[in-house]
Every structure is written in C-alpha cells, then in structure tokens.
Amino acid sequence: MKPAIELYISTVRLLTIMDMVNMPNNGFKKAIRSIEDWAAKQSYILEDMDSEAHERIIHNFNVIMDSIDHEVLSTPIGELTVEAN
C-alpha cells in the first residue's frame, strides 16, 4: 500500500474512533481540525482510482481492523499470517 493511501485511510479511521469514544475537543480542537482538513483534501487519492474505490477501500480496511483482537496482537513475531479470500 502506498504511504499516502495508508495515511489517508488511517486518518479516516482515527476520526471515526475519536467520535466513538467522544474525545473532547478541548486541547485537541486544532489538531482535530487539521486532521479533518487534511483528510478532506486527500480524498482524491482514492477517488481518482475508481468512482467506488473510496467507499470500498474504507469499508474493507475497517473490516480488517475490526477483526483484530488481543489474541491476534499477541501472536508471536513471525507467526502471524494473513490470507486473502
């Protein structure tokens, strides 16, 4: 994955998680606005690939991230494998 795409997808997920945990804006207000502004300006990275790419890529990334739990993260180094369907 290209670094710019990875950063964009991670930023979109970060903003979603921040909303889910009701992160307060005080102290974070400027950083949150900067992240939101950057993400909005970078959405073209995915949208230029395909008209449906943005929605599909964000959804699939979230499915992958949501499937990771403590057990997966505790897998010894070198033993974790990922299989595509």
N, C-alpha and C. Protein backbone atom coordinates (compact mmCIF):
# COMPACT_ATOMS: atom_id res chain seq x y z
N MET A 1 0.84 -1.16 0.00
CA MET A 1 0.00 0.00 0.00
C MET A 1 0.90 1.24 0.00
N LYS A 2 0.53 2.20 -0.80
CA LYS A 2 1.29 3.45 -0.85
C LYS A 2 1.13 4.20 0.46
N PRO A 3 2.20 4.83 0.94
CA PRO A 3 2.13 5.54 2.23
C PRO A 3 1.02 6.60 2.29
N ALA A 4 0.79 7.33 1.21
CA ALA A 4 -0.25 8.37 1.23
C ALA A 4 -1.64 7.75 1.40
N ILE A 5 -1.87 6.61 0.77
CA ILE A 5 -3.15 5.92 0.90
C ILE A 5 -3.31 5.39 2.32
N GLU A 6 -2.26 4.78 2.84
CA GLU A 6 -2.32 4.24 4.21
C GLU A 6 -2.59 5.36 5.22
N LEU A 7 -1.93 6.49 5.06
CA LEU A 7 -2.15 7.61 5.97
C LEU A 7 -3.57 8.14 5.86
N TYR A 8 -4.08 8.26 4.65
CA TYR A 8 -5.45 8.74 4.46
C TYR A 8 -6.45 7.81 5.12
N ILE A 9 -6.33 6.51 4.86
CA ILE A 9 -7.27 5.54 5.44
C ILE A 9 -7.17 5.54 6.96
N SER A 10 -5.96 5.60 7.48
CA SER A 10 -5.77 5.64 8.93
C SER A 10 -6.39 6.90 9.54
N THR A 11 -6.28 8.00 8.84
CA THR A 11 -6.85 9.26 9.32
C THR A 11 -8.37 9.19 9.37
N VAL A 12 -8.98 8.64 8.33
CA VAL A 12 -10.44 8.50 8.32
C VAL A 12 -10.87 7.62 9.49
N ARG A 13 -10.16 6.52 9.72
CA ARG A 13 -10.50 5.63 10.84
C ARG A 13 -10.28 6.35 12.18
N LEU A 14 -9.20 7.10 12.31
CA LEU A 14 -8.93 7.84 13.54
C LEU A 14 -10.07 8.78 13.87
N LEU A 15 -10.55 9.51 12.89
CA LEU A 15 -11.64 10.45 13.13
C LEU A 15 -12.90 9.72 13.57
N THR A 16 -13.17 8.56 12.99
CA THR A 16 -14.34 7.76 13.37
C THR A 16 -14.21 7.28 14.81
N ILE A 17 -13.04 6.79 15.17
CA ILE A 17 -12.81 6.29 16.52
C ILE A 17 -12.90 7.43 17.54
N MET A 18 -12.38 8.58 17.19
CA MET A 18 -12.45 9.73 18.09
C MET A 18 -13.91 10.06 18.38
N ASP A 19 -14.78 9.98 17.38
CA ASP A 19 -16.21 10.22 17.59
C ASP A 19 -16.82 9.12 18.46
N MET A 20 -16.40 7.87 18.25
CA MET A 20 -16.95 6.74 19.00
C MET A 20 -16.64 6.84 20.50
N VAL A 21 -15.47 7.36 20.84
CA VAL A 21 -15.08 7.46 22.26
C VAL A 21 -15.38 8.84 22.83
N ASN A 22 -16.09 9.65 22.07
CA ASN A 22 -16.46 11.00 22.50
C ASN A 22 -15.26 11.79 23.02
N MET A 23 -14.19 11.77 22.24
CA MET A 23 -12.99 12.51 22.63
C MET A 23 -13.32 13.99 22.72
N PRO A 24 -12.96 14.62 23.84
CA PRO A 24 -13.27 16.05 23.98
C PRO A 24 -12.44 16.89 23.02
N ASN A 25 -13.03 17.99 22.60
CA ASN A 25 -12.34 18.88 21.67
C ASN A 25 -11.33 19.77 22.36
N ASN A 26 -11.55 20.06 23.63
CA ASN A 26 -10.63 20.99 24.30
C ASN A 26 -9.22 20.40 24.35
N GLY A 27 -8.27 21.19 23.90
CA GLY A 27 -6.89 20.74 23.84
C GLY A 27 -6.57 20.02 22.54
N PHE A 28 -7.57 19.44 21.91
CA PHE A 28 -7.38 18.68 20.68
C PHE A 28 -8.01 19.39 19.48
N LYS A 29 -8.71 20.49 19.76
CA LYS A 29 -9.51 21.15 18.72
C LYS A 29 -8.71 21.48 17.46
N LYS A 30 -7.57 22.09 17.60
CA LYS A 30 -6.77 22.48 16.44
C LYS A 30 -6.26 21.25 15.69
N ALA A 31 -5.79 20.25 16.43
CA ALA A 31 -5.29 19.03 15.79
C ALA A 31 -6.41 18.30 15.05
N ILE A 32 -7.57 18.23 15.67
CA ILE A 32 -8.71 17.56 15.02
C ILE A 32 -9.08 18.28 13.74
N ARG A 33 -9.15 19.61 13.80
CA ARG A 33 -9.48 20.37 12.60
C ARG A 33 -8.44 20.16 11.52
N SER A 34 -7.17 20.12 11.90
CA SER A 34 -6.10 19.89 10.92
C SER A 34 -6.22 18.52 10.28
N ILE A 35 -6.51 17.50 11.08
CA ILE A 35 -6.67 16.14 10.56
C ILE A 35 -7.87 16.08 9.61
N GLU A 36 -8.99 16.65 10.02
CA GLU A 36 -10.19 16.65 9.18
C GLU A 36 -9.93 17.38 7.86
N ASP A 37 -9.26 18.52 7.93
CA ASP A 37 -8.95 19.30 6.74
C ASP A 37 -8.04 18.53 5.80
N TRP A 38 -6.99 17.91 6.37
CA TRP A 38 -6.06 17.13 5.55
C TRP A 38 -6.79 15.97 4.89
N ALA A 39 -7.60 15.24 5.65
CA ALA A 39 -8.32 14.08 5.10
C ALA A 39 -9.25 14.50 3.97
N ALA A 40 -9.96 15.61 4.16
CA ALA A 40 -10.87 16.09 3.12
C ALA A 40 -10.12 16.44 1.84
N LYS A 41 -8.96 17.06 1.98
CA LYS A 41 -8.16 17.44 0.81
C LYS A 41 -7.51 16.23 0.14
N GLN A 42 -7.28 15.16 0.88
CA GLN A 42 -6.59 13.99 0.34
C GLN A 42 -7.54 12.93 -0.22
N SER A 43 -8.82 13.09 -0.08
CA SER A 43 -9.75 12.06 -0.53
C SER A 43 -9.60 11.77 -2.02
N TYR A 44 -9.06 12.71 -2.78
CA TYR A 44 -8.86 12.48 -4.21
C TYR A 44 -7.90 11.32 -4.46
N ILE A 45 -7.05 10.99 -3.49
CA ILE A 45 -6.10 9.89 -3.65
C ILE A 45 -6.84 8.61 -4.02
N LEU A 46 -7.97 8.38 -3.38
CA LEU A 46 -8.73 7.17 -3.64
C LEU A 46 -9.78 7.38 -4.72
N GLU A 47 -10.41 8.52 -4.72
CA GLU A 47 -11.50 8.76 -5.66
C GLU A 47 -11.04 8.76 -7.11
N ASP A 48 -9.79 9.14 -7.37
CA ASP A 48 -9.28 9.15 -8.74
C ASP A 48 -9.05 7.75 -9.28
N MET A 49 -8.90 6.76 -8.41
CA MET A 49 -8.67 5.39 -8.87
C MET A 49 -9.90 4.79 -9.52
N ASP A 50 -11.05 5.04 -8.93
CA ASP A 50 -12.29 4.41 -9.35
C ASP A 50 -13.40 5.13 -8.61
N SER A 51 -14.54 5.28 -9.23
CA SER A 51 -15.62 6.04 -8.59
C SER A 51 -16.11 5.39 -7.30
N GLU A 52 -15.97 4.08 -7.16
CA GLU A 52 -16.42 3.39 -5.95
C GLU A 52 -15.26 3.02 -5.02
N ALA A 53 -14.06 3.37 -5.40
CA ALA A 53 -12.88 2.95 -4.64
C ALA A 53 -12.87 3.49 -3.22
N HIS A 54 -13.24 4.73 -3.04
CA HIS A 54 -13.19 5.32 -1.71
C HIS A 54 -14.03 4.51 -0.71
N GLU A 55 -15.28 4.31 -1.04
CA GLU A 55 -16.18 3.58 -0.14
C GLU A 55 -15.71 2.15 0.09
N ARG A 56 -15.32 1.47 -0.95
CA ARG A 56 -14.89 0.07 -0.87
C ARG A 56 -13.61 -0.07 -0.04
N ILE A 57 -12.63 0.80 -0.28
CA ILE A 57 -11.36 0.71 0.43
C ILE A 57 -11.54 1.02 1.90
N ILE A 58 -12.28 2.08 2.22
CA ILE A 58 -12.52 2.42 3.63
C ILE A 58 -13.26 1.29 4.32
N HIS A 59 -14.28 0.76 3.69
CA HIS A 59 -15.05 -0.35 4.29
C HIS A 59 -14.17 -1.57 4.54
N ASN A 60 -13.42 -1.99 3.53
CA ASN A 60 -12.59 -3.18 3.69
C ASN A 60 -11.50 -2.99 4.74
N PHE A 61 -10.91 -1.80 4.79
CA PHE A 61 -9.91 -1.51 5.81
C PHE A 61 -10.53 -1.61 7.20
N ASN A 62 -11.74 -1.07 7.35
CA ASN A 62 -12.41 -1.13 8.65
C ASN A 62 -12.76 -2.57 9.04
N VAL A 63 -13.17 -3.37 8.08
CA VAL A 63 -13.46 -4.79 8.36
C VAL A 63 -12.19 -5.48 8.88
N ILE A 64 -11.07 -5.23 8.22
CA ILE A 64 -9.80 -5.81 8.66
C ILE A 64 -9.45 -5.35 10.07
N MET A 65 -9.51 -4.05 10.30
CA MET A 65 -9.15 -3.51 11.61
C MET A 65 -10.08 -4.01 12.71
N ASP A 66 -11.37 -4.14 12.39
CA ASP A 66 -12.34 -4.61 13.38
C ASP A 66 -12.14 -6.09 13.73
N SER A 67 -11.48 -6.84 12.86
CA SER A 67 -11.27 -8.26 13.12
C SER A 67 -10.04 -8.53 13.99
N ILE A 68 -9.26 -7.51 14.25
CA ILE A 68 -8.05 -7.67 15.06
C ILE A 68 -8.43 -7.56 16.53
N ASP A 69 -8.04 -8.58 17.29
CA ASP A 69 -8.31 -8.56 18.73
C ASP A 69 -7.02 -8.81 19.51
N HIS A 70 -7.14 -8.92 20.82
CA HIS A 70 -5.97 -9.11 21.67
C HIS A 70 -5.21 -10.38 21.30
N GLU A 71 -5.95 -11.44 20.99
CA GLU A 71 -5.30 -12.71 20.63
C GLU A 71 -4.44 -12.56 19.38
N VAL A 72 -4.96 -11.88 18.38
CA VAL A 72 -4.20 -11.65 17.15
C VAL A 72 -2.96 -10.82 17.45
N LEU A 73 -3.13 -9.77 18.23
CA LEU A 73 -2.00 -8.89 18.54
C LEU A 73 -0.94 -9.59 19.40
N SER A 74 -1.35 -10.64 20.11
CA SER A 74 -0.42 -11.39 20.97
C SER A 74 0.31 -12.51 20.24
N THR A 75 0.02 -12.70 18.95
CA THR A 75 0.69 -13.73 18.17
C THR A 75 2.20 -13.45 18.15
N PRO A 76 3.00 -14.49 18.41
CA PRO A 76 4.46 -14.28 18.40
C PRO A 76 4.94 -13.74 17.06
N ILE A 77 5.98 -12.92 17.12
CA ILE A 77 6.57 -12.33 15.92
C ILE A 77 6.97 -13.44 14.96
N GLY A 78 6.59 -13.29 13.70
CA GLY A 78 6.92 -14.25 12.67
C GLY A 78 5.89 -15.34 12.47
N GLU A 79 4.88 -15.43 13.37
CA GLU A 79 3.88 -16.49 13.27
C GLU A 79 2.54 -16.01 12.72
N LEU A 80 2.32 -14.72 12.64
CA LEU A 80 1.05 -14.19 12.15
C LEU A 80 1.02 -14.23 10.63
N THR A 81 -0.04 -14.79 10.09
CA THR A 81 -0.22 -14.81 8.64
C THR A 81 -1.59 -14.24 8.31
N VAL A 82 -1.70 -13.68 7.12
CA VAL A 82 -2.97 -13.12 6.65
C VAL A 82 -3.27 -13.77 5.32
N GLU A 83 -4.50 -14.27 5.18
CA GLU A 83 -4.91 -14.92 3.94
C GLU A 83 -6.02 -14.13 3.30
N ALA A 84 -5.92 -13.91 2.02
CA ALA A 84 -6.98 -13.23 1.26
C ALA A 84 -7.95 -14.28 0.73
N ASN A 85 -9.21 -13.90 0.69
CA ASN A 85 -10.23 -14.84 0.15
C ASN A 85 -10.26 -14.80 -1.34
